[in-house]
Amino acid sequence: MAMVSRAAAGLLACVVAVPAMADDAWYWNLGVGGSVFYQSNSGGSASPEFTDTSFRPNVQLGVMRPINERWSLGTGVELLVEDFTDWGNSGNLLMWRIGEFGYQLSDNWALTFYGGAARYYRETSAYGYGFGAGALYQLSPSWALSFEINYVGTDTSINNAVPYKRDKFGWGSTVLRYKF
């Protein structure tokens, strides 16, 4: 047990000290935009299959850190909102971008690639995975415009839910980001 606590303390010290020693430390970004959102549900024994396309607000919050002059690494969350006031059966989709990589093409253009875990807020909890890619255009040192394409697959089998349902989502987003 003491060995685990020392390892955790050492890891915490590295996480705190390494960004402080780096030339370019971690930075936060906040994004707001819109998404064309496609959903497909495979149905189940008691419900029919369906598809739907809609427009949804998109909110992003992340933290990034340059690795070198071309590459950056970070994490963040993305929320596609159907209902801000209700979370139980809201239809909201939350994507945690566990690993997000950025590649700087030029002074103004960058590419992003990410993968992570997702949570679909519905009558029966649905969890899954997701990935995406995008292009980012730097408008100024603090402002950027991003264009992204994403995919998420969720299912309710983690809850042994009846009827079993699998949802697939795809969306294209345009997001204005602020770096602080």
C-alpha atoms as a PDB file:
ATOM      1  CA  MET A   1       0.000   0.000   0.000  1.00  0.00           C
ATOM      2  CA  ALA A   2       2.842   2.411   0.837  1.00  0.00           C
ATOM      3  CA  MET A   3       4.438   1.649  -2.522  1.00  0.00           C
ATOM      4  CA  VAL A   4       1.196   2.548  -4.343  1.00  0.00           C
ATOM      5  CA  SER A   5       0.828   5.820  -2.438  1.00  0.00           C
ATOM      6  CA  ARG A   6       4.482   6.753  -3.212  1.00  0.00           C
ATOM      7  CA  ALA A   7       3.960   5.948  -6.886  1.00  0.00           C
ATOM      8  CA  ALA A   8       0.789   8.061  -6.940  1.00  0.00           C
ATOM      9  CA  ALA A   9       2.576  10.956  -5.223  1.00  0.00           C
ATOM     10  CA  GLY A  10       5.464  10.699  -7.704  1.00  0.00           C
ATOM     11  CA  LEU A  11       3.079  10.669 -10.644  1.00  0.00           C
ATOM     12  CA  LEU A  12       1.231  13.688  -9.247  1.00  0.00           C
ATOM     13  CA  ALA A  13       4.540  15.543  -8.807  1.00  0.00           C
ATOM     14  CA  CYS A  14       5.458  14.807 -12.451  1.00  0.00           C
ATOM     15  CA  VAL A  15       2.067  15.958 -13.709  1.00  0.00           C
ATOM     16  CA  VAL A  16       2.434  19.227 -11.790  1.00  0.00           C
ATOM     17  CA  ALA A  17       6.159  19.808 -12.446  1.00  0.00           C
ATOM     18  CA  VAL A  18       6.554  18.814 -16.112  1.00  0.00           C
ATOM     19  CA  PRO A  19       4.126  21.422 -17.530  1.00  0.00           C
ATOM     20  CA  ALA A  20       5.701  24.107 -15.329  1.00  0.00           C
ATOM     21  CA  MET A  21       9.171  23.263 -16.694  1.00  0.00           C
ATOM     22  CA  ALA A  22       8.052  23.136 -20.336  1.00  0.00           C
ATOM     23  CA  ASP A  23       8.461  26.093 -22.673  1.00  0.00           C
ATOM     24  CA  ASP A  24       4.828  25.749 -23.714  1.00  0.00           C
ATOM     25  CA  ALA A  25       2.575  24.732 -20.842  1.00  0.00           C
ATOM     26  CA  TRP A  26      -0.953  23.364 -20.920  1.00  0.00           C
ATOM     27  CA  TYR A  27      -3.700  25.661 -22.148  1.00  0.00           C
ATOM     28  CA  TRP A  28      -7.495  25.478 -21.971  1.00  0.00           C
ATOM     29  CA  ASN A  29      -9.898  25.950 -24.852  1.00  0.00           C
ATOM     30  CA  LEU A  30     -13.641  26.467 -24.907  1.00  0.00           C
ATOM     31  CA  GLY A  31     -15.700  25.937 -28.038  1.00  0.00           C
ATOM     32  CA  VAL A  32     -19.283  26.677 -29.027  1.00  0.00           C
ATOM     33  CA  GLY A  33     -20.897  25.801 -32.325  1.00  0.00           C
ATOM     34  CA  GLY A  34     -23.405  23.662 -34.125  1.00  0.00           C
ATOM     35  CA  SER A  35     -23.608  20.140 -35.514  1.00  0.00           C
ATOM     36  CA  VAL A  36     -25.622  18.308 -38.120  1.00  0.00           C
ATOM     37  CA  PHE A  37     -26.399  15.184 -36.130  1.00  0.00           C
ATOM     38  CA  TYR A  38     -27.389  11.748 -37.519  1.00  0.00           C
ATOM     39  CA  GLN A  39     -28.635   8.929 -35.285  1.00  0.00           C
ATOM     40  CA  SER A  40     -29.450   5.332 -36.164  1.00  0.00           C
ATOM     41  CA  ASN A  41     -30.927   2.869 -33.686  1.00  0.00           C
ATOM     42  CA  SER A  42     -30.851  -0.862 -34.348  1.00  0.00           C
ATOM     43  CA  GLY A  43     -34.060  -1.375 -32.405  1.00  0.00           C
ATOM     44  CA  GLY A  44     -34.523  -4.456 -30.312  1.00  0.00           C
ATOM     45  CA  SER A  45     -37.068  -7.105 -29.474  1.00  0.00           C
ATOM     46  CA  ALA A  46     -39.690  -4.544 -28.377  1.00  0.00           C
ATOM     47  CA  SER A  47     -38.852  -1.440 -30.394  1.00  0.00           C
ATOM     48  CA  PRO A  48     -38.554  -0.656 -34.106  1.00  0.00           C
ATOM     49  CA  GLU A  49     -35.402   0.487 -35.870  1.00  0.00           C
ATOM     50  CA  PHE A  50     -35.252   4.211 -36.633  1.00  0.00           C
ATOM     51  CA  THR A  51     -33.014   6.974 -37.995  1.00  0.00           C
ATOM     52  CA  ASP A  52     -33.095  10.727 -37.417  1.00  0.00           C
ATOM     53  CA  THR A  53     -31.163  13.778 -38.605  1.00  0.00           C
ATOM     54  CA  SER A  54     -31.242  17.051 -36.671  1.00  0.00           C
ATOM     55  CA  PHE A  55     -29.248  20.172 -35.823  1.00  0.00           C
ATOM     56  CA  ARG A  56     -27.783  20.388 -32.320  1.00  0.00           C
ATOM     57  CA  PRO A  57     -25.755  22.918 -30.338  1.00  0.00           C
ATOM     58  CA  ASN A  58     -22.204  21.729 -29.637  1.00  0.00           C
ATOM     59  CA  VAL A  59     -20.184  22.724 -26.553  1.00  0.00           C
ATOM     60  CA  GLN A  60     -16.539  21.696 -26.081  1.00  0.00           C
ATOM     61  CA  LEU A  61     -14.059  22.127 -23.232  1.00  0.00           C
ATOM     62  CA  GLY A  62     -10.511  20.829 -23.458  1.00  0.00           C
ATOM     63  CA  VAL A  63      -6.919  21.156 -22.384  1.00  0.00           C
ATOM     64  CA  MET A  64      -3.943  20.819 -24.762  1.00  0.00           C
ATOM     65  CA  ARG A  65      -0.167  20.929 -24.558  1.00  0.00           C
ATOM     66  CA  PRO A  66       2.340  21.271 -27.379  1.00  0.00           C
ATOM     67  CA  ILE A  67       4.731  18.307 -27.602  1.00  0.00           C
ATOM     68  CA  ASN A  68       7.005  19.977 -30.153  1.00  0.00           C
ATOM     69  CA  GLU A  69       6.621  22.649 -32.846  1.00  0.00           C
ATOM     70  CA  ARG A  70       4.211  20.454 -34.902  1.00  0.00           C
ATOM     71  CA  TRP A  71       2.405  18.092 -32.501  1.00  0.00           C
ATOM     72  CA  SER A  72       0.134  18.729 -29.514  1.00  0.00           C
ATOM     73  CA  LEU A  73      -1.626  16.373 -27.100  1.00  0.00           C
ATOM     74  CA  GLY A  74      -4.698  16.877 -24.951  1.00  0.00           C
ATOM     75  CA  THR A  75      -8.055  15.732 -23.660  1.00  0.00           C
ATOM     76  CA  GLY A  76     -11.509  17.224 -23.496  1.00  0.00           C
ATOM     77  CA  VAL A  77     -15.262  16.765 -23.475  1.00  0.00           C
ATOM     78  CA  GLU A  78     -17.818  17.473 -26.170  1.00  0.00           C
ATOM     79  CA  LEU A  79     -21.538  17.797 -25.484  1.00  0.00           C
ATOM     80  CA  LEU A  80     -24.199  17.615 -28.183  1.00  0.00           C
ATOM     81  CA  VAL A  81     -27.287  19.080 -26.590  1.00  0.00           C
ATOM     82  CA  GLU A  82     -30.874  18.127 -27.278  1.00  0.00           C
ATOM     83  CA  ASP A  83     -32.248  19.306 -23.913  1.00  0.00           C
ATOM     84  CA  PHE A  84     -30.282  21.516 -21.472  1.00  0.00           C
ATOM     85  CA  THR A  85     -32.829  21.122 -18.660  1.00  0.00           C
ATOM     86  CA  ASP A  86     -33.271  17.320 -18.439  1.00  0.00           C
ATOM     87  CA  TRP A  87     -30.441  14.802 -18.261  1.00  0.00           C
ATOM     88  CA  GLY A  88     -32.213  11.517 -17.524  1.00  0.00           C
ATOM     89  CA  ASN A  89     -33.863  10.892 -20.883  1.00  0.00           C
ATOM     90  CA  SER A  90     -32.670  14.029 -22.629  1.00  0.00           C
ATOM     91  CA  GLY A  91     -31.073  12.634 -25.784  1.00  0.00           C
ATOM     92  CA  ASN A  92     -27.868  14.524 -24.930  1.00  0.00           C
ATOM     93  CA  LEU A  93     -24.635  12.906 -26.091  1.00  0.00           C
ATOM     94  CA  LEU A  94     -21.406  13.385 -24.119  1.00  0.00           C
ATOM     95  CA  MET A  95     -18.081  12.422 -25.715  1.00  0.00           C
ATOM     96  CA  TRP A  96     -14.902  12.331 -23.633  1.00  0.00           C
ATOM     97  CA  ARG A  97     -11.964  12.780 -25.974  1.00  0.00           C
ATOM     98  CA  ILE A  98      -9.510  10.717 -23.959  1.00  0.00           C
ATOM     99  CA  GLY A  99      -6.669  11.351 -26.391  1.00  0.00           C
ATOM    100  CA  GLU A 100      -6.692  14.276 -28.804  1.00  0.00           C
ATOM    101  CA  PHE A 101      -3.738  14.859 -31.094  1.00  0.00           C
ATOM    102  CA  GLY A 102      -3.110  17.988 -33.131  1.00  0.00           C
ATOM    103  CA  TYR A 103      -0.728  18.382 -36.057  1.00  0.00           C
ATOM    104  CA  GLN A 104       0.224  21.911 -37.159  1.00  0.00           C
ATOM    105  CA  LEU A 105       0.316  22.106 -40.986  1.00  0.00           C
ATOM    106  CA  SER A 106       1.144  25.825 -41.197  1.00  0.00           C
ATOM    107  CA  ASP A 107       0.867  28.969 -39.080  1.00  0.00           C
ATOM    108  CA  ASN A 108      -2.916  28.999 -39.490  1.00  0.00           C
ATOM    109  CA  TRP A 109      -3.964  25.391 -40.251  1.00  0.00           C
ATOM    110  CA  ALA A 110      -3.900  22.285 -38.042  1.00  0.00           C
ATOM    111  CA  LEU A 111      -5.393  18.789 -38.173  1.00  0.00           C
ATOM    112  CA  THR A 112      -6.871  17.006 -35.140  1.00  0.00           C
ATOM    113  CA  PHE A 113      -7.488  13.314 -34.423  1.00  0.00           C
ATOM    114  CA  TYR A 114      -9.151  11.920 -31.320  1.00  0.00           C
ATOM    115  CA  GLY A 115     -10.750   8.911 -29.715  1.00  0.00           C
ATOM    116  CA  GLY A 116     -12.568   8.299 -26.507  1.00  0.00           C
ATOM    117  CA  ALA A 117     -15.609   7.192 -24.561  1.00  0.00           C
ATOM    118  CA  ALA A 118     -19.225   8.286 -24.915  1.00  0.00           C
ATOM    119  CA  ARG A 119     -22.414   8.431 -22.843  1.00  0.00           C
ATOM    120  CA  TYR A 120     -25.862   8.747 -24.428  1.00  0.00           C
ATOM    121  CA  TYR A 121     -28.495  10.048 -22.003  1.00  0.00           C
ATOM    122  CA  ARG A 122     -31.641   8.021 -22.650  1.00  0.00           C
ATOM    123  CA  GLU A 123     -34.273   6.011 -20.747  1.00  0.00           C
ATOM    124  CA  THR A 124     -31.698   3.209 -20.344  1.00  0.00           C
ATOM    125  CA  SER A 125     -28.056   4.221 -19.879  1.00  0.00           C
ATOM    126  CA  ALA A 126     -25.980   3.733 -23.028  1.00  0.00           C
ATOM    127  CA  TYR A 127     -22.178   3.812 -23.119  1.00  0.00           C
ATOM    128  CA  GLY A 128     -19.737   3.366 -25.951  1.00  0.00           C
ATOM    129  CA  TYR A 129     -16.743   4.594 -27.883  1.00  0.00           C
ATOM    130  CA  GLY A 130     -16.104   7.339 -30.401  1.00  0.00           C
ATOM    131  CA  PHE A 131     -13.517   8.865 -32.691  1.00  0.00           C
ATOM    132  CA  GLY A 132     -13.198  11.809 -35.002  1.00  0.00           C
ATOM    133  CA  ALA A 133     -10.988  14.095 -37.021  1.00  0.00           C
ATOM    134  CA  GLY A 134     -11.018  17.708 -38.012  1.00  0.00           C
ATOM    135  CA  ALA A 135      -9.288  20.777 -39.362  1.00  0.00           C
ATOM    136  CA  LEU A 136      -8.655  23.919 -37.356  1.00  0.00           C
ATOM    137  CA  TYR A 137      -8.066  27.405 -38.781  1.00  0.00           C
ATOM    138  CA  GLN A 138      -6.366  29.883 -36.431  1.00  0.00           C
ATOM    139  CA  LEU A 139      -8.132  33.283 -36.739  1.00  0.00           C
ATOM    140  CA  SER A 140      -5.885  34.956 -34.121  1.00  0.00           C
ATOM    141  CA  PRO A 141      -3.641  33.778 -31.265  1.00  0.00           C
ATOM    142  CA  SER A 142      -6.747  33.176 -29.096  1.00  0.00           C
ATOM    143  CA  TRP A 143      -9.515  32.371 -31.600  1.00  0.00           C
ATOM    144  CA  ALA A 144      -9.860  29.407 -33.971  1.00  0.00           C
ATOM    145  CA  LEU A 145     -12.545  27.904 -36.167  1.00  0.00           C
ATOM    146  CA  SER A 146     -12.735  24.096 -36.316  1.00  0.00           C
ATOM    147  CA  PHE A 147     -14.493  21.753 -38.725  1.00  0.00           C
ATOM    148  CA  GLU A 148     -14.933  18.192 -37.448  1.00  0.00           C
ATOM    149  CA  ILE A 149     -16.475  14.847 -38.368  1.00  0.00           C
ATOM    150  CA  ASN A 150     -17.278  12.371 -35.578  1.00  0.00           C
ATOM    151  CA  TYR A 151     -18.633   8.877 -35.005  1.00  0.00           C
ATOM    152  CA  VAL A 152     -19.948   7.329 -31.764  1.00  0.00           C
ATOM    153  CA  GLY A 153     -21.376   3.866 -31.145  1.00  0.00           C
ATOM    154  CA  THR A 154     -23.236   3.162 -27.884  1.00  0.00           C
ATOM    155  CA  ASP A 155     -25.253   0.257 -26.525  1.00  0.00           C
ATOM    156  CA  THR A 156     -27.280  -0.643 -23.462  1.00  0.00           C
ATOM    157  CA  SER A 157     -25.844  -4.150 -22.977  1.00  0.00           C
ATOM    158  CA  ILE A 158     -23.763  -2.933 -20.030  1.00  0.00           C
ATOM    159  CA  ASN A 159     -27.049  -2.721 -18.091  1.00  0.00           C
ATOM    160  CA  ASN A 160     -28.471  -6.050 -19.344  1.00  0.00           C
ATOM    161  CA  ALA A 161     -31.291  -3.908 -20.673  1.00  0.00           C
ATOM    162  CA  VAL A 162     -34.311  -5.416 -22.361  1.00  0.00           C
ATOM    163  CA  PRO A 163     -34.864  -4.590 -25.121  1.00  0.00           C
ATOM    164  CA  TYR A 164     -31.230  -4.439 -26.176  1.00  0.00           C
ATOM    165  CA  LYS A 165     -30.527  -1.255 -28.155  1.00  0.00           C
ATOM    166  CA  ARG A 166     -27.493  -0.099 -30.067  1.00  0.00           C
ATOM    167  CA  ASP A 167     -27.245   3.528 -31.209  1.00  0.00           C
ATOM    168  CA  LYS A 168     -24.858   4.862 -33.842  1.00  0.00           C
ATOM    169  CA  PHE A 169     -24.209   8.572 -34.231  1.00  0.00           C
ATOM    170  CA  GLY A 170     -22.394  10.639 -36.797  1.00  0.00           C
ATOM    171  CA  TRP A 171     -22.081  14.393 -36.897  1.00  0.00           C
ATOM    172  CA  GLY A 172     -20.295  17.200 -38.620  1.00  0.00           C
ATOM    173  CA  SER A 173     -19.522  20.306 -36.585  1.00  0.00           C
ATOM    174  CA  THR A 174     -18.380  23.860 -37.007  1.00  0.00           C
ATOM    175  CA  VAL A 175     -17.090  25.236 -33.702  1.00  0.00           C
ATOM    176  CA  LEU A 176     -15.614  28.584 -32.705  1.00  0.00           C
ATOM    177  CA  ARG A 177     -12.895  27.982 -30.078  1.00  0.00           C
ATOM    178  CA  TYR A 178     -11.303  30.353 -27.605  1.00  0.00           C
ATOM    179  CA  LYS A 179      -7.854  29.516 -26.197  1.00  0.00           C
ATOM    180  CA  PHE A 180      -7.045  30.813 -22.697  1.00  0.00           C
END
